[in-house]
Amino acid sequence: KNPIHFKTVEYFIDKNMLEVKGDFLRISKDYIYISNEILVSFIDC
């Protein structure tokens, strides 16, 4: 399954907190420091 099609990922892409660059899905640079706020959303999602 393509990871960008997960609802949690779509939510953070819409918020510009995640981005796709080439073959990679990553946290946007401006949100690296607060990455834990993103990561915890994938626990028991």
All heavy atoms as atom14 arrays in JSON, in Angstrom:
{
  "sequence": "KNPIHFKTVEYFIDKNMLEVKGDFLRISKDYIYISNEILVSFIDC",
  "atom14_mask": [
    [1, 1, 1, 1, 1, 1, 1, 1, 1, 0, 0, 0, 0, 0],
    [1, 1, 1, 1, 1, 1, 1, 1, 0, 0, 0, 0, 0, 0],
    [1, 1, 1, 1, 1, 1, 1, 0, 0, 0, 0, 0, 0, 0],
    [1, 1, 1, 1, 1, 1, 1, 1, 0, 0, 0, 0, 0, 0],
    [1, 1, 1, 1, 1, 1, 1, 1, 1, 1, 0, 0, 0, 0],
    [1, 1, 1, 1, 1, 1, 1, 1, 1, 1, 1, 0, 0, 0],
    [1, 1, 1, 1, 1, 1, 1, 1, 1, 0, 0, 0, 0, 0],
    [1, 1, 1, 1, 1, 1, 1, 0, 0, 0, 0, 0, 0, 0],
    [1, 1, 1, 1, 1, 1, 1, 0, 0, 0, 0, 0, 0, 0],
    [1, 1, 1, 1, 1, 1, 1, 1, 1, 0, 0, 0, 0, 0],
    [1, 1, 1, 1, 1, 1, 1, 1, 1, 1, 1, 1, 0, 0],
    [1, 1, 1, 1, 1, 1, 1, 1, 1, 1, 1, 0, 0, 0],
    [1, 1, 1, 1, 1, 1, 1, 1, 0, 0, 0, 0, 0, 0],
    [1, 1, 1, 1, 1, 1, 1, 1, 0, 0, 0, 0, 0, 0],
    [1, 1, 1, 1, 1, 1, 1, 1, 1, 0, 0, 0, 0, 0],
    [1, 1, 1, 1, 1, 1, 1, 1, 0, 0, 0, 0, 0, 0],
    [1, 1, 1, 1, 1, 1, 1, 1, 0, 0, 0, 0, 0, 0],
    [1, 1, 1, 1, 1, 1, 1, 1, 0, 0, 0, 0, 0, 0],
    [1, 1, 1, 1, 1, 1, 1, 1, 1, 0, 0, 0, 0, 0],
    [1, 1, 1, 1, 1, 1, 1, 0, 0, 0, 0, 0, 0, 0],
    [1, 1, 1, 1, 1, 1, 1, 1, 1, 0, 0, 0, 0, 0],
    [1, 1, 1, 1, 0, 0, 0, 0, 0, 0, 0, 0, 0, 0],
    [1, 1, 1, 1, 1, 1, 1, 1, 0, 0, 0, 0, 0, 0],
    [1, 1, 1, 1, 1, 1, 1, 1, 1, 1, 1, 0, 0, 0],
    [1, 1, 1, 1, 1, 1, 1, 1, 0, 0, 0, 0, 0, 0],
    [1, 1, 1, 1, 1, 1, 1, 1, 1, 1, 1, 0, 0, 0],
    [1, 1, 1, 1, 1, 1, 1, 1, 0, 0, 0, 0, 0, 0],
    [1, 1, 1, 1, 1, 1, 0, 0, 0, 0, 0, 0, 0, 0],
    [1, 1, 1, 1, 1, 1, 1, 1, 1, 0, 0, 0, 0, 0],
    [1, 1, 1, 1, 1, 1, 1, 1, 0, 0, 0, 0, 0, 0],
    [1, 1, 1, 1, 1, 1, 1, 1, 1, 1, 1, 1, 0, 0],
    [1, 1, 1, 1, 1, 1, 1, 1, 0, 0, 0, 0, 0, 0],
    [1, 1, 1, 1, 1, 1, 1, 1, 1, 1, 1, 1, 0, 0],
    [1, 1, 1, 1, 1, 1, 1, 1, 0, 0, 0, 0, 0, 0],
    [1, 1, 1, 1, 1, 1, 0, 0, 0, 0, 0, 0, 0, 0],
    [1, 1, 1, 1, 1, 1, 1, 1, 0, 0, 0, 0, 0, 0],
    [1, 1, 1, 1, 1, 1, 1, 1, 1, 0, 0, 0, 0, 0],
    [1, 1, 1, 1, 1, 1, 1, 1, 0, 0, 0, 0, 0, 0],
    [1, 1, 1, 1, 1, 1, 1, 1, 0, 0, 0, 0, 0, 0],
    [1, 1, 1, 1, 1, 1, 1, 0, 0, 0, 0, 0, 0, 0],
    [1, 1, 1, 1, 1, 1, 0, 0, 0, 0, 0, 0, 0, 0],
    [1, 1, 1, 1, 1, 1, 1, 1, 1, 1, 1, 0, 0, 0],
    [1, 1, 1, 1, 1, 1, 1, 1, 0, 0, 0, 0, 0, 0],
    [1, 1, 1, 1, 1, 1, 1, 1, 0, 0, 0, 0, 0, 0],
    [1, 1, 1, 1, 1, 1, 0, 0, 0, 0, 0, 0, 0, 0]
  ],
  "atom14_positions": [
    [[0.84, -1.19, 0.0], [0.0, 0.0, 0.0], [0.88, 1.24, 0.0], [1.93, 1.29, 0.65], [-0.9, 0.01, 1.23], [-1.91, 1.16, 1.26], [-2.91, 1.02, 2.41], [-3.91, 2.16, 2.41], [-4.91, 2.04, 3.5], [0.0, 0.0, 0.0], [0.0, 0.0, 0.0], [0.0, 0.0, 0.0], [0.0, 0.0, 0.0], [0.0, 0.0, 0.0]],
    [[0.45, 2.26, -0.76], [1.18, 3.52, -0.8], [0.96, 4.28, 0.51], [-0.19, 4.51, 0.9], [0.69, 4.36, -1.98], [1.55, 5.58, -2.24], [1.91, 6.3, -1.31], [1.87, 5.83, -3.5], [0.0, 0.0, 0.0], [0.0, 0.0, 0.0], [0.0, 0.0, 0.0], [0.0, 0.0, 0.0], [0.0, 0.0, 0.0], [0.0, 0.0, 0.0]],
    [[2.03, 4.68, 1.21], [1.86, 5.31, 2.53], [1.12, 6.65, 2.48], [0.51, 7.05, 3.48], [3.29, 5.5, 3.03], [4.13, 5.51, 1.79], [3.45, 4.55, 0.86], [0.0, 0.0, 0.0], [0.0, 0.0, 0.0], [0.0, 0.0, 0.0], [0.0, 0.0, 0.0], [0.0, 0.0, 0.0], [0.0, 0.0, 0.0], [0.0, 0.0, 0.0]],
    [[1.13, 7.32, 1.34], [0.48, 8.63, 1.31], [-1.04, 8.51, 1.29], [-1.75, 9.5, 1.44], [0.95, 9.48, 0.1], [0.49, 8.88, -1.22], [2.46, 9.66, 0.13], [0.8, 9.78, -2.41], [0.0, 0.0, 0.0], [0.0, 0.0, 0.0], [0.0, 0.0, 0.0], [0.0, 0.0, 0.0], [0.0, 0.0, 0.0], [0.0, 0.0, 0.0]],
    [[-1.55, 7.27, 1.14], [-3.0, 7.08, 1.1], [-3.6, 6.75, 2.47], [-4.81, 6.52, 2.57], [-3.36, 5.98, 0.1], [-3.02, 6.34, -1.31], [-2.72, 5.4, -2.27], [-2.9, 7.55, -1.91], [-2.44, 6.01, -3.42], [-2.55, 7.31, -3.23], [0.0, 0.0, 0.0], [0.0, 0.0, 0.0], [0.0, 0.0, 0.0], [0.0, 0.0, 0.0]],
    [[-2.76, 6.73, 3.51], [-3.29, 6.54, 4.86], [-3.94, 7.85, 5.32], [-3.42, 8.95, 5.06], [-2.19, 6.13, 5.82], [-1.74, 4.7, 5.65], [-0.74, 4.38, 4.75], [-2.34, 3.69, 6.37], [-0.32, 3.07, 4.57], [-1.93, 2.37, 6.21], [-0.92, 2.06, 5.3], [0.0, 0.0, 0.0], [0.0, 0.0, 0.0], [0.0, 0.0, 0.0]],
    [[-5.07, 7.73, 6.02], [-5.81, 8.93, 6.44], [-4.97, 9.85, 7.32], [-5.02, 11.08, 7.19], [-7.08, 8.52, 7.18], [-8.1, 7.8, 6.31], [-9.31, 7.33, 7.13], [-10.3, 6.56, 6.27], [-11.43, 6.04, 7.09], [0.0, 0.0, 0.0], [0.0, 0.0, 0.0], [0.0, 0.0, 0.0], [0.0, 0.0, 0.0], [0.0, 0.0, 0.0]],
    [[-4.2, 9.25, 8.23], [-3.36, 10.06, 9.13], [-2.32, 10.83, 8.33], [-2.04, 12.01, 8.6], [-2.67, 9.17, 10.17], [-3.65, 8.37, 10.83], [-1.93, 10.01, 11.2], [0.0, 0.0, 0.0], [0.0, 0.0, 0.0], [0.0, 0.0, 0.0], [0.0, 0.0, 0.0], [0.0, 0.0, 0.0], [0.0, 0.0, 0.0], [0.0, 0.0, 0.0]],
    [[-1.74, 10.18, 7.31], [-0.75, 10.84, 6.45], [-1.41, 11.96, 5.65], [-0.88, 13.08, 5.56], [-0.08, 9.82, 5.51], [0.81, 10.54, 4.49], [0.74, 8.81, 6.31], [0.0, 0.0, 0.0], [0.0, 0.0, 0.0], [0.0, 0.0, 0.0], [0.0, 0.0, 0.0], [0.0, 0.0, 0.0], [0.0, 0.0, 0.0], [0.0, 0.0, 0.0]],
    [[-2.56, 11.67, 5.08], [-3.28, 12.69, 4.31], [-3.57, 13.92, 5.15], [-3.46, 15.06, 4.7], [-4.57, 12.11, 3.74], [-4.35, 11.06, 2.65], [-5.64, 10.39, 2.22], [-6.66, 10.54, 2.96], [-5.64, 9.71, 1.17], [0.0, 0.0, 0.0], [0.0, 0.0, 0.0], [0.0, 0.0, 0.0], [0.0, 0.0, 0.0], [0.0, 0.0, 0.0]],
    [[-3.95, 13.68, 6.41], [-4.25, 14.79, 7.33], [-3.02, 15.69, 7.5], [-3.12, 16.93, 7.41], [-4.69, 14.23, 8.68], [-4.79, 15.27, 9.78], [-5.92, 16.09, 9.89], [-3.76, 15.45, 10.69], [-6.01, 17.05, 10.89], [-3.84, 16.41, 11.69], [-4.96, 17.2, 11.78], [-5.05, 18.15, 12.76], [0.0, 0.0, 0.0], [0.0, 0.0, 0.0]],
    [[-1.85, 15.08, 7.73], [-0.65, 15.88, 7.97], [-0.1, 16.5, 6.68], [0.53, 17.56, 6.73], [0.42, 15.04, 8.67], [0.15, 14.82, 10.14], [-0.11, 13.56, 10.63], [0.15, 15.9, 11.02], [-0.36, 13.36, 11.98], [-0.1, 15.71, 12.37], [-0.36, 14.44, 12.85], [0.0, 0.0, 0.0], [0.0, 0.0, 0.0], [0.0, 0.0, 0.0]],
    [[-0.36, 15.86, 5.55], [0.02, 16.49, 4.27], [-0.83, 17.75, 4.05], [-0.32, 18.8, 3.63], [-0.14, 15.49, 3.1], [0.96, 14.41, 3.17], [-0.06, 16.23, 1.77], [0.84, 13.35, 2.09], [0.0, 0.0, 0.0], [0.0, 0.0, 0.0], [0.0, 0.0, 0.0], [0.0, 0.0, 0.0], [0.0, 0.0, 0.0], [0.0, 0.0, 0.0]],
    [[-2.11, 17.66, 4.34], [-3.0, 18.82, 4.22], [-2.57, 19.96, 5.13], [-2.75, 21.14, 4.8], [-4.45, 18.42, 4.55], [-5.08, 17.57, 3.46], [-4.55, 17.57, 2.33], [-6.1, 16.9, 3.74], [0.0, 0.0, 0.0], [0.0, 0.0, 0.0], [0.0, 0.0, 0.0], [0.0, 0.0, 0.0], [0.0, 0.0, 0.0], [0.0, 0.0, 0.0]],
    [[-2.0, 19.61, 6.28], [-1.53, 20.62, 7.24], [-0.12, 21.11, 6.9], [0.44, 21.94, 7.61], [-1.51, 20.02, 8.65], [-2.87, 19.65, 9.21], [-3.63, 20.89, 9.66], [-4.91, 20.51, 10.38], [-5.66, 21.71, 10.83], [0.0, 0.0, 0.0], [0.0, 0.0, 0.0], [0.0, 0.0, 0.0], [0.0, 0.0, 0.0], [0.0, 0.0, 0.0]],
    [[0.46, 20.57, 5.8], [1.83, 20.89, 5.37], [2.88, 20.46, 6.39], [4.01, 20.95, 6.39], [1.99, 22.4, 5.09], [1.14, 22.86, 3.93], [1.05, 22.19, 2.9], [0.48, 24.0, 4.09], [0.0, 0.0, 0.0], [0.0, 0.0, 0.0], [0.0, 0.0, 0.0], [0.0, 0.0, 0.0], [0.0, 0.0, 0.0], [0.0, 0.0, 0.0]],
    [[2.52, 19.5, 7.25], [3.47, 18.98, 8.23], [4.22, 17.77, 7.68], [5.31, 17.44, 8.15], [2.74, 18.64, 9.53], [2.08, 19.87, 10.17], [1.06, 19.48, 11.61], [2.3, 19.25, 12.86], [0.0, 0.0, 0.0], [0.0, 0.0, 0.0], [0.0, 0.0, 0.0], [0.0, 0.0, 0.0], [0.0, 0.0, 0.0], [0.0, 0.0, 0.0]],
    [[3.64, 17.1, 6.7], [4.31, 16.06, 5.94], [4.35, 16.48, 4.49], [3.48, 17.23, 4.02], [3.58, 14.71, 6.07], [3.58, 14.01, 7.42], [2.76, 12.71, 7.33], [4.99, 13.7, 7.89], [0.0, 0.0, 0.0], [0.0, 0.0, 0.0], [0.0, 0.0, 0.0], [0.0, 0.0, 0.0], [0.0, 0.0, 0.0], [0.0, 0.0, 0.0]],
    [[5.37, 15.99, 3.77], [5.49, 16.34, 2.36], [6.09, 15.16, 1.59], [6.75, 14.29, 2.17], [6.37, 17.57, 2.18], [7.81, 17.39, 2.65], [8.65, 18.65, 2.54], [8.06, 19.72, 2.3], [9.88, 18.56, 2.68], [0.0, 0.0, 0.0], [0.0, 0.0, 0.0], [0.0, 0.0, 0.0], [0.0, 0.0, 0.0], [0.0, 0.0, 0.0]],
    [[5.83, 15.13, 0.3], [6.41, 14.12, -0.58], [7.48, 14.79, -1.42], [7.25, 15.83, -2.05], [5.34, 13.5, -1.5], [5.98, 12.51, -2.48], [4.27, 12.8, -0.67], [0.0, 0.0, 0.0], [0.0, 0.0, 0.0], [0.0, 0.0, 0.0], [0.0, 0.0, 0.0], [0.0, 0.0, 0.0], [0.0, 0.0, 0.0], [0.0, 0.0, 0.0]],
    [[8.67, 14.19, -1.4], [9.76, 14.68, -2.24], [10.37, 13.49, -2.96], [11.03, 12.65, -2.34], [10.83, 15.41, -1.43], [11.91, 16.04, -2.3], [12.84, 16.94, -1.54], [13.85, 17.59, -2.48], [14.79, 18.49, -1.76], [0.0, 0.0, 0.0], [0.0, 0.0, 0.0], [0.0, 0.0, 0.0], [0.0, 0.0, 0.0], [0.0, 0.0, 0.0]],
    [[10.13, 13.4, -4.28], [10.6, 12.25, -5.03], [9.93, 10.99, -4.53], [8.7, 10.91, -4.42], [0.0, 0.0, 0.0], [0.0, 0.0, 0.0], [0.0, 0.0, 0.0], [0.0, 0.0, 0.0], [0.0, 0.0, 0.0], [0.0, 0.0, 0.0], [0.0, 0.0, 0.0], [0.0, 0.0, 0.0], [0.0, 0.0, 0.0], [0.0, 0.0, 0.0]],
    [[10.76, 10.0, -4.14], [10.24, 8.72, -3.67], [10.01, 8.71, -2.15], [9.67, 7.69, -1.58], [11.23, 7.6, -4.03], [10.73, 6.21, -3.66], [9.57, 5.89, -3.97], [11.49, 5.47, -3.0], [0.0, 0.0, 0.0], [0.0, 0.0, 0.0], [0.0, 0.0, 0.0], [0.0, 0.0, 0.0], [0.0, 0.0, 0.0], [0.0, 0.0, 0.0]],
    [[10.2, 9.86, -1.51], [10.18, 9.87, -0.04], [9.04, 10.71, 0.54], [8.72, 11.8, 0.05], [11.51, 10.38, 0.5], [12.64, 9.4, 0.3], [13.39, 9.42, -0.86], [12.92, 8.45, 1.26], [14.42, 8.51, -1.07], [13.94, 7.53, 1.07], [14.69, 7.56, -0.09], [0.0, 0.0, 0.0], [0.0, 0.0, 0.0], [0.0, 0.0, 0.0]],
    [[8.45, 10.16, 1.58], [7.45, 10.85, 2.4], [8.17, 11.25, 3.68], [8.74, 10.4, 4.36], [6.28, 9.92, 2.7], [5.24, 10.42, 3.72], [4.48, 11.62, 3.17], [4.29, 9.29, 4.09], [0.0, 0.0, 0.0], [0.0, 0.0, 0.0], [0.0, 0.0, 0.0], [0.0, 0.0, 0.0], [0.0, 0.0, 0.0], [0.0, 0.0, 0.0]],
    [[8.15, 12.54, 4.01], [8.95, 12.99, 5.15], [8.24, 14.12, 5.91], [7.29, 14.73, 5.4], [10.31, 13.48, 4.68], [10.24, 14.74, 3.82], [11.6, 15.12, 3.27], [11.57, 16.43, 2.62], [12.61, 16.98, 2.0], [13.76, 16.34, 1.95], [12.5, 18.17, 1.45], [0.0, 0.0, 0.0], [0.0, 0.0, 0.0], [0.0, 0.0, 0.0]],
    [[8.75, 14.38, 7.11], [8.27, 15.51, 7.89], [8.84, 16.79, 7.27], [10.03, 16.87, 6.96], [8.7, 15.39, 9.36], [8.03, 14.17, 10.0], [8.33, 16.65, 10.15], [8.43, 13.92, 11.45], [0.0, 0.0, 0.0], [0.0, 0.0, 0.0], [0.0, 0.0, 0.0], [0.0, 0.0, 0.0], [0.0, 0.0, 0.0], [0.0, 0.0, 0.0]],
    [[7.99, 17.79, 7.09], [8.45, 19.07, 6.55], [9.47, 19.69, 7.49], [9.37, 19.58, 8.72], [7.26, 20.01, 6.36], [6.27, 19.43, 5.54], [0.0, 0.0, 0.0], [0.0, 0.0, 0.0], [0.0, 0.0, 0.0], [0.0, 0.0, 0.0], [0.0, 0.0, 0.0], [0.0, 0.0, 0.0], [0.0, 0.0, 0.0], [0.0, 0.0, 0.0]],
    [[10.48, 20.35, 6.94], [11.61, 20.85, 7.71], [11.17, 21.72, 8.89], [11.73, 21.62, 9.99], [12.56, 21.65, 6.81], [13.78, 22.19, 7.54], [14.76, 22.83, 6.58], [15.91, 23.49, 7.31], [16.6, 22.61, 8.29], [0.0, 0.0, 0.0], [0.0, 0.0, 0.0], [0.0, 0.0, 0.0], [0.0, 0.0, 0.0], [0.0, 0.0, 0.0]],
    [[10.16, 22.55, 8.71], [9.74, 23.46, 9.78], [9.13, 22.73, 10.97], [8.92, 23.35, 12.02], [8.72, 24.48, 9.24], [9.35, 25.48, 8.29], [10.6, 25.6, 8.28], [8.6, 26.14, 7.55], [0.0, 0.0, 0.0], [0.0, 0.0, 0.0], [0.0, 0.0, 0.0], [0.0, 0.0, 0.0], [0.0, 0.0, 0.0], [0.0, 0.0, 0.0]],
    [[8.85, 21.44, 10.81], [8.19, 20.7, 11.88], [9.07, 19.58, 12.47], [8.6, 18.8, 13.29], [6.87, 20.1, 11.38], [5.86, 21.15, 11.02], [5.75, 21.64, 9.72], [5.02, 21.71, 11.99], [4.83, 22.62, 9.39], [4.09, 22.69, 11.67], [4.01, 23.14, 10.37], [3.1, 24.13, 10.05], [0.0, 0.0, 0.0], [0.0, 0.0, 0.0]],
    [[10.34, 19.53, 12.05], [11.24, 18.48, 12.56], [11.36, 18.55, 14.07], [11.3, 17.53, 14.77], [12.63, 18.6, 11.9], [12.57, 18.23, 10.41], [13.65, 17.71, 12.62], [12.23, 16.78, 10.16], [0.0, 0.0, 0.0], [0.0, 0.0, 0.0], [0.0, 0.0, 0.0], [0.0, 0.0, 0.0], [0.0, 0.0, 0.0], [0.0, 0.0, 0.0]],
    [[11.51, 19.76, 14.61], [11.73, 19.89, 16.05], [10.54, 19.37, 16.86], [10.72, 18.8, 17.94], [12.01, 21.35, 16.42], [12.15, 21.56, 17.91], [13.32, 21.16, 18.58], [11.13, 22.12, 18.66], [13.44, 21.32, 19.95], [11.24, 22.29, 20.03], [12.4, 21.9, 20.67], [12.52, 22.06, 22.02], [0.0, 0.0, 0.0], [0.0, 0.0, 0.0]],
    [[9.35, 19.54, 16.34], [8.15, 19.08, 17.06], [7.64, 17.77, 16.46], [6.44, 17.47, 16.49], [7.04, 20.14, 17.06], [6.62, 20.5, 15.62], [7.48, 21.37, 17.83], [5.35, 21.34, 15.56], [0.0, 0.0, 0.0], [0.0, 0.0, 0.0], [0.0, 0.0, 0.0], [0.0, 0.0, 0.0], [0.0, 0.0, 0.0], [0.0, 0.0, 0.0]],
    [[8.55, 16.98, 15.93], [8.15, 15.74, 15.25], [7.37, 14.79, 16.14], [6.52, 14.03, 15.65], [9.38, 15.03, 14.7], [10.29, 14.71, 15.75], [0.0, 0.0, 0.0], [0.0, 0.0, 0.0], [0.0, 0.0, 0.0], [0.0, 0.0, 0.0], [0.0, 0.0, 0.0], [0.0, 0.0, 0.0], [0.0, 0.0, 0.0], [0.0, 0.0, 0.0]],
    [[7.64, 14.82, 17.45], [6.92, 13.91, 18.34], [5.42, 14.11, 18.28], [4.63, 13.18, 18.45], [7.4, 14.08, 19.79], [8.7, 13.34, 20.05], [9.12, 12.51, 19.25], [9.35, 13.65, 21.15], [0.0, 0.0, 0.0], [0.0, 0.0, 0.0], [0.0, 0.0, 0.0], [0.0, 0.0, 0.0], [0.0, 0.0, 0.0], [0.0, 0.0, 0.0]],
    [[4.99, 15.35, 18.03], [3.56, 15.62, 17.91], [2.95, 14.89, 16.72], [1.77, 14.56, 16.71], [3.32, 17.13, 17.8], [3.75, 17.92, 19.04], [3.49, 19.41, 18.9], [2.69, 19.79, 18.03], [4.1, 20.18, 19.66], [0.0, 0.0, 0.0], [0.0, 0.0, 0.0], [0.0, 0.0, 0.0], [0.0, 0.0, 0.0], [0.0, 0.0, 0.0]],
    [[3.78, 14.67, 15.71], [3.32, 13.92, 14.53], [3.42, 12.43, 14.81], [2.48, 11.66, 14.55], [4.15, 14.3, 13.29], [3.99, 15.79, 12.98], [3.76, 13.44, 12.09], [4.91, 16.3, 11.89], [0.0, 0.0, 0.0], [0.0, 0.0, 0.0], [0.0, 0.0, 0.0], [0.0, 0.0, 0.0], [0.0, 0.0, 0.0], [0.0, 0.0, 0.0]],
    [[4.55, 12.0, 15.37], [4.8, 10.57, 15.56], [3.76, 9.91, 16.47], [3.31, 8.79, 16.19], [6.2, 10.36, 16.14], [7.37, 10.9, 15.3], [8.7, 10.53, 15.93], [7.31, 10.39, 13.86], [0.0, 0.0, 0.0], [0.0, 0.0, 0.0], [0.0, 0.0, 0.0], [0.0, 0.0, 0.0], [0.0, 0.0, 0.0], [0.0, 0.0, 0.0]],
    [[3.37, 10.61, 17.54], [2.42, 9.99, 18.48], [1.06, 9.75, 17.82], [0.28, 8.9, 18.28], [2.23, 10.86, 19.75], [3.53, 10.95, 20.54], [1.7, 12.24, 19.42], [0.0, 0.0, 0.0], [0.0, 0.0, 0.0], [0.0, 0.0, 0.0], [0.0, 0.0, 0.0], [0.0, 0.0, 0.0], [0.0, 0.0, 0.0], [0.0, 0.0, 0.0]],
    [[0.78, 10.46, 16.74], [-0.5, 10.27, 16.05], [-0.58, 8.92, 15.35], [-1.67, 8.47, 14.98], [-0.72, 11.39, 15.02], [-0.77, 12.66, 15.65], [0.0, 0.0, 0.0], [0.0, 0.0, 0.0], [0.0, 0.0, 0.0], [0.0, 0.0, 0.0], [0.0, 0.0, 0.0], [0.0, 0.0, 0.0], [0.0, 0.0, 0.0], [0.0, 0.0, 0.0]],
    [[0.58, 8.27, 15.16], [0.6, 6.96, 14.51], [0.54, 5.82, 15.51], [0.54, 4.65, 15.11], [1.83, 6.85, 13.62], [1.76, 7.7, 12.38], [2.27, 8.99, 12.37], [1.16, 7.22, 11.24], [2.18, 9.79, 11.25], [1.07, 8.0, 10.1], [1.58, 9.3, 10.1], [0.0, 0.0, 0.0], [0.0, 0.0, 0.0], [0.0, 0.0, 0.0]],
    [[0.54, 6.13, 16.81], [0.41, 5.09, 17.83], [-1.07, 4.77, 18.02], [-1.88, 5.64, 18.34], [1.02, 5.54, 19.17], [2.51, 5.88, 18.99], [0.84, 4.47, 20.23], [3.15, 6.46, 20.23], [0.0, 0.0, 0.0], [0.0, 0.0, 0.0], [0.0, 0.0, 0.0], [0.0, 0.0, 0.0], [0.0, 0.0, 0.0], [0.0, 0.0, 0.0]],
    [[-1.41, 3.51, 17.77], [-2.81, 3.07, 17.91], [-3.77, 3.92, 17.08], [-4.9, 4.18, 17.47], [-3.26, 3.1, 19.38], [-2.49, 2.09, 20.21], [-2.17, 1.03, 19.69], [-2.23, 2.4, 21.39], [0.0, 0.0, 0.0], [0.0, 0.0, 0.0], [0.0, 0.0, 0.0], [0.0, 0.0, 0.0], [0.0, 0.0, 0.0], [0.0, 0.0, 0.0]],
    [[-3.3, 4.38, 15.91], [-4.18, 5.19, 15.07], [-5.26, 4.32, 14.45], [-5.07, 3.11, 14.22], [-3.38, 5.91, 13.98], [-2.46, 4.85, 12.86], [0.0, 0.0, 0.0], [0.0, 0.0, 0.0], [0.0, 0.0, 0.0], [0.0, 0.0, 0.0], [0.0, 0.0, 0.0], [0.0, 0.0, 0.0], [0.0, 0.0, 0.0], [0.0, 0.0, 0.0]]
  ]
}
